C-alpha atoms as a PDB file:
ATOM      1  CA  MET A   1      -1.978   3.785  -7.785  1.00  0.00           C
ATOM      2  CA  LYS A   2       0.445   5.915  -5.916  1.00  0.00           C
ATOM      3  CA  THR A   3       4.143   5.661  -6.561  1.00  0.00           C
ATOM      4  CA  ILE A   4       6.510   5.257  -3.676  1.00  0.00           C
ATOM      5  CA  HIS A   5      10.034   6.245  -4.668  1.00  0.00           C
ATOM      6  CA  THR A   6      12.191   3.653  -2.974  1.00  0.00           C
ATOM      7  CA  HIS A   7      14.455   2.416  -5.755  1.00  0.00           C
ATOM      8  CA  ALA A   8      17.786   3.795  -6.777  1.00  0.00           C
ATOM      9  CA  LYS A   9      18.040   5.254 -10.236  1.00  0.00           C
ATOM     10  CA  HIS A  10      19.139   1.905 -11.635  1.00  0.00           C
ATOM     11  CA  THR A  11      17.349   2.517 -14.927  1.00  0.00           C
ATOM     12  CA  GLU A  12      20.010   5.034 -15.920  1.00  0.00           C
ATOM     13  CA  TRP A  13      22.341   2.083 -16.487  1.00  0.00           C
ATOM     14  CA  LEU A  14      19.863  -0.340 -18.015  1.00  0.00           C
ATOM     15  CA  SER A  15      20.195  -1.129 -21.676  1.00  0.00           C
ATOM     16  CA  ALA A  16      17.226  -1.203 -24.024  1.00  0.00           C
ATOM     17  CA  ASP A  17      17.428  -5.019 -24.009  1.00  0.00           C
ATOM     18  CA  GLU A  18      17.322  -5.125 -20.216  1.00  0.00           C
ATOM     19  CA  MET A  19      14.322  -2.787 -20.079  1.00  0.00           C
ATOM     20  CA  HIS A  20      12.603  -4.844 -22.784  1.00  0.00           C
ATOM     21  CA  PHE A  21      13.241  -8.069 -20.844  1.00  0.00           C
ATOM     22  CA  GLU A  22      11.964  -6.501 -17.616  1.00  0.00           C
ATOM     23  CA  SER A  23       8.824  -5.202 -19.357  1.00  0.00           C
ATOM     24  CA  LYS A  24       8.138  -8.632 -20.856  1.00  0.00           C
ATOM     25  CA  LYS A  25       8.533 -10.181 -17.401  1.00  0.00           C
ATOM     26  CA  TRP A  26       6.028  -7.689 -15.962  1.00  0.00           C
ATOM     27  CA  LEU A  27       3.555  -8.424 -18.743  1.00  0.00           C
ATOM     28  CA  SER A  28       3.805 -12.143 -18.107  1.00  0.00           C
ATOM     29  CA  GLU A  29       3.320 -11.741 -14.378  1.00  0.00           C
ATOM     30  CA  LEU A  30       0.408  -9.321 -14.792  1.00  0.00           C
ATOM     31  CA  GLU A  31      -1.316 -11.703 -17.226  1.00  0.00           C
ATOM     32  CA  PHE A  32      -0.889 -14.454 -14.640  1.00  0.00           C
ATOM     33  CA  TYR A  33      -2.389 -12.184 -11.969  1.00  0.00           C
ATOM     34  CA  LYS A  34      -5.417 -11.672 -14.230  1.00  0.00           C
ATOM     35  CA  GLU A  35      -5.874 -15.449 -14.516  1.00  0.00           C
ATOM     36  CA  GLU A  36      -5.629 -15.832 -10.747  1.00  0.00           C
ATOM     37  CA  GLN A  37      -8.094 -13.022 -10.218  1.00  0.00           C
ATOM     38  CA  TRP A  38     -10.603 -14.751 -12.524  1.00  0.00           C
ATOM     39  CA  PHE A  39     -10.106 -17.894 -10.432  1.00  0.00           C
ATOM     40  CA  PHE A  40     -10.779 -15.906  -7.245  1.00  0.00           C
ATOM     41  CA  GLU A  41     -13.924 -14.421  -8.761  1.00  0.00           C
ATOM     42  CA  ASP A  42     -15.061 -17.935  -9.683  1.00  0.00           C
ATOM     43  CA  LEU A  43     -14.460 -19.092  -6.100  1.00  0.00           C
ATOM     44  CA  ILE A  44     -16.497 -16.161  -4.850  1.00  0.00           C
ATOM     45  CA  ARG A  45     -19.389 -17.108  -7.161  1.00  0.00           C
ATOM     46  CA  THR A  46     -19.153 -20.770  -6.110  1.00  0.00           C
ATOM     47  CA  TYR A  47     -19.208 -19.998  -2.388  1.00  0.00           C
ATOM     48  CA  THR A  48     -21.426 -16.901  -2.460  1.00  0.00           C
ATOM     49  CA  LEU A  49     -23.957 -18.177   0.064  1.00  0.00           C
ATOM     50  CA  GLN A  50     -21.302 -19.209   2.554  1.00  0.00           C
ATOM     51  CA  ILE A  51     -19.310 -16.005   2.003  1.00  0.00           C
ATOM     52  CA  ILE A  52     -22.245 -13.684   2.612  1.00  0.00           C
ATOM     53  CA  ASP A  53     -23.160 -15.573   5.770  1.00  0.00           C
ATOM     54  CA  HIS A  54     -23.646 -13.099   8.613  1.00  0.00           C
ATOM     55  CA  ASP A  55     -20.554 -14.377  10.414  1.00  0.00           C
ATOM     56  CA  HIS A  56     -18.349 -13.595   7.409  1.00  0.00           C
ATOM     57  CA  PHE A  57     -20.098 -10.721   5.699  1.00  0.00           C
ATOM     58  CA  ASP A  58     -17.841  -7.845   6.833  1.00  0.00           C
ATOM     59  CA  GLU A  59     -14.622  -9.704   6.160  1.00  0.00           C
ATOM     60  CA  SER A  60     -15.832 -11.007   2.805  1.00  0.00           C
ATOM     61  CA  LYS A  61     -16.968  -7.524   1.754  1.00  0.00           C
ATOM     62  CA  ARG A  62     -13.538  -6.080   2.595  1.00  0.00           C
ATOM     63  CA  LEU A  63     -11.725  -8.821   0.678  1.00  0.00           C
ATOM     64  CA  ILE A  64     -14.016  -8.600  -2.344  1.00  0.00           C
ATOM     65  CA  ASP A  65     -13.642  -4.801  -2.424  1.00  0.00           C
ATOM     66  CA  LYS A  66      -9.850  -5.161  -2.277  1.00  0.00           C
ATOM     67  CA  LEU A  67      -9.926  -7.800  -5.003  1.00  0.00           C
ATOM     68  CA  THR A  68     -12.061  -5.531  -7.194  1.00  0.00           C
ATOM     69  CA  LYS A  69      -9.576  -2.677  -6.752  1.00  0.00           C
ATOM     70  CA  MET A  70      -6.673  -5.031  -7.419  1.00  0.00           C
ATOM     71  CA  VAL A  71      -8.291  -6.241 -10.658  1.00  0.00           C
ATOM     72  CA  GLU A  72      -8.645  -2.625 -11.798  1.00  0.00           C
ATOM     73  CA  GLN A  73      -5.072  -1.740 -10.818  1.00  0.00           C
ATOM     74  CA  THR A  74      -3.709  -4.845 -12.525  1.00  0.00           C
ATOM     75  CA  GLN A  75      -5.506  -3.913 -15.739  1.00  0.00           C
ATOM     76  CA  THR A  76      -4.329  -0.301 -15.541  1.00  0.00           C
ATOM     77  CA  LEU A  77      -0.713  -1.326 -14.997  1.00  0.00           C
ATOM     78  CA  LEU A  78      -0.947  -3.938 -17.743  1.00  0.00           C
ATOM     79  CA  MET A  79      -2.079  -1.284 -20.231  1.00  0.00           C
ATOM     80  CA  ALA A  80       0.656   1.113 -19.072  1.00  0.00           C
ATOM     81  CA  VAL A  81       3.355  -1.549 -19.506  1.00  0.00           C
ATOM     82  CA  LYS A  82       2.051  -2.468 -22.969  1.00  0.00           C
ATOM     83  CA  LYS A  83       2.161   1.192 -23.992  1.00  0.00           C
ATOM     84  CA  HIS A  84       5.652   1.542 -22.504  1.00  0.00           C
ATOM     85  CA  GLU A  85       6.844  -1.543 -24.371  1.00  0.00           C
ATOM     86  CA  LYS A  86       5.592  -0.118 -27.684  1.00  0.00           C
ATOM     87  CA  GLN A  87       7.632   3.042 -27.084  1.00  0.00           C
ATOM     88  CA  LEU A  88      10.891   1.121 -26.678  1.00  0.00           C
ATOM     89  CA  SER A  89      11.855   2.094 -30.230  1.00  0.00           C
ATOM     90  CA  ILE A  90      12.922   5.491 -28.821  1.00  0.00           C
ATOM     91  CA  MET A  91      15.836   3.690 -27.185  1.00  0.00           C
ATOM     92  CA  VAL A  92      16.964   1.679 -30.213  1.00  0.00           C
ATOM     93  CA  ASP A  93      16.225   3.837 -33.252  1.00  0.00           C
ATOM     94  CA  GLY A  94      19.802   5.133 -33.498  1.00  0.00           C
ATOM     95  CA  ILE A  95      18.649   8.752 -33.273  1.00  0.00           C
ATOM     96  CA  ASP A  96      19.932  10.829 -30.373  1.00  0.00           C
ATOM     97  CA  GLN A  97      16.810  12.037 -28.592  1.00  0.00           C
ATOM     98  CA  LEU A  98      18.201  12.672 -25.145  1.00  0.00           C
ATOM     99  CA  GLN A  99      15.035  14.132 -23.617  1.00  0.00           C
ATOM    100  CA  GLU A 100      12.777  11.373 -24.976  1.00  0.00           C
ATOM    101  CA  GLU A 101      15.246   8.678 -23.906  1.00  0.00           C
ATOM    102  CA  MET A 102      15.500  10.164 -20.411  1.00  0.00           C
ATOM    103  CA  ALA A 103      11.694  10.382 -20.211  1.00  0.00           C
ATOM    104  CA  TYR A 104      11.467   6.724 -21.252  1.00  0.00           C
ATOM    105  CA  LYS A 105      13.947   5.707 -18.546  1.00  0.00           C
ATOM    106  CA  ASN A 106      12.054   7.767 -15.956  1.00  0.00           C
ATOM    107  CA  GLU A 107       8.817   6.101 -16.997  1.00  0.00           C
ATOM    108  CA  HIS A 108      10.517   2.710 -16.731  1.00  0.00           C
ATOM    109  CA  ARG A 109      11.695   3.541 -13.218  1.00  0.00           C
ATOM    110  CA  ASN A 110       8.168   4.636 -12.234  1.00  0.00           C
ATOM    111  CA  LEU A 111       6.697   1.441 -13.698  1.00  0.00           C
ATOM    112  CA  THR A 112       9.273  -0.584 -11.772  1.00  0.00           C
ATOM    113  CA  GLU A 113       8.123   1.036  -8.550  1.00  0.00           C
ATOM    114  CA  LEU A 114       4.430   0.642  -9.391  1.00  0.00           C
ATOM    115  CA  PHE A 115       4.885  -3.000 -10.329  1.00  0.00           C
ATOM    116  CA  ASP A 116       6.878  -3.799  -7.174  1.00  0.00           C
ATOM    117  CA  GLU A 117       4.250  -2.100  -5.001  1.00  0.00           C
ATOM    118  CA  LEU A 118       1.375  -3.899  -6.750  1.00  0.00           C
ATOM    119  CA  ARG A 119       3.206  -7.226  -6.412  1.00  0.00           C
ATOM    120  CA  LYS A 120       3.641  -6.740  -2.643  1.00  0.00           C
ATOM    121  CA  ARG A 121       0.007  -5.738  -2.085  1.00  0.00           C
ATOM    122  CA  TYR A 122      -1.235  -8.556  -4.308  1.00  0.00           C
ATOM    123  CA  ARG A 123       0.737 -11.183  -2.380  1.00  0.00           C
ATOM    124  CA  VAL A 124      -0.764  -9.969   0.897  1.00  0.00           C
ATOM    125  CA  LEU A 125      -4.285  -9.930  -0.560  1.00  0.00           C
ATOM    126  CA  LYS A 126      -3.846 -13.364  -2.099  1.00  0.00           C
ATOM    127  CA  ALA A 127      -2.688 -14.859   1.216  1.00  0.00           C
ATOM    128  CA  LYS A 128      -5.676 -13.334   3.048  1.00  0.00           C
ATOM    129  CA  PHE A 129      -8.059 -14.456   0.334  1.00  0.00           C
ATOM    130  CA  PHE A 130      -6.817 -18.059   0.335  1.00  0.00           C
ATOM    131  CA  LYS A 131      -6.990 -18.201   4.127  1.00  0.00           C
ATOM    132  CA  PHE A 132     -10.557 -16.860   4.061  1.00  0.00           C
ATOM    133  CA  ILE A 133     -11.772 -19.201   1.289  1.00  0.00           C
ATOM    134  CA  LYS A 134     -10.104 -22.168   3.007  1.00  0.00           C
ATOM    135  CA  MET A 135     -12.028 -21.352   6.202  1.00  0.00           C
ATOM    136  CA  VAL A 136     -15.314 -20.969   4.276  1.00  0.00           C
ATOM    137  CA  MET A 137     -14.772 -24.263   2.423  1.00  0.00           C
ATOM    138  CA  LYS A 138     -13.936 -26.062   5.659  1.00  0.00           C
ATOM    139  CA  GLU A 139     -17.055 -24.721   7.367  1.00  0.00           C
ATOM    140  CA  SER A 140     -19.162 -25.616   4.339  1.00  0.00           C
ATOM    141  CA  LYS A 141     -17.832 -29.167   4.377  1.00  0.00           C
ATOM    142  CA  GLN A 142     -18.461 -29.477   8.122  1.00  0.00           C
ATOM    143  CA  ASN A 143     -22.025 -28.186   7.744  1.00  0.00           C
ATOM    144  CA  HIS A 144     -22.616 -30.573   4.864  1.00  0.00           C
ATOM    145  CA  LEU A 145     -21.457 -33.525   7.009  1.00  0.00           C
ATOM    146  CA  ILE A 146     -23.645 -32.396   9.903  1.00  0.00           C
ATOM    147  CA  ASP A 147     -26.679 -32.117   7.608  1.00  0.00           C
ATOM    148  CA  LYS A 148     -26.160 -35.700   6.391  1.00  0.00           C
ATOM    149  CA  LYS A 149     -26.325 -37.101   9.916  1.00  0.00           C
END
């Protein structure tokens, strides 16, 4: 994932508690993303025949490829945040380690940017995916009704 530096250096003023709270929030949201992504993969398996239909093949391939990348990026960021959270002790151990503390804050800022970027891209992908699956389900239902006649 590439980092886009758009945020102010707000982490310089964050306390250890605030960074801990933010990290916990990221972990919760990333775990939720994983659950959603499993749901999407289940939908793909359920509607495989309709999705790979010639009319939808190119679009479905693009969406599935993006979902696959998003699953990988979510997992990578989740592991990075977990590692970051474990290193929080640097900020609260009572020992002055200015370089390590600054490095931790820089890492927190980078994770903030990565998480915000992933969140934006995931929302866009999710909207496209739901729209696509809704169309496939609707067509499947219509075809099923036509076949019954």
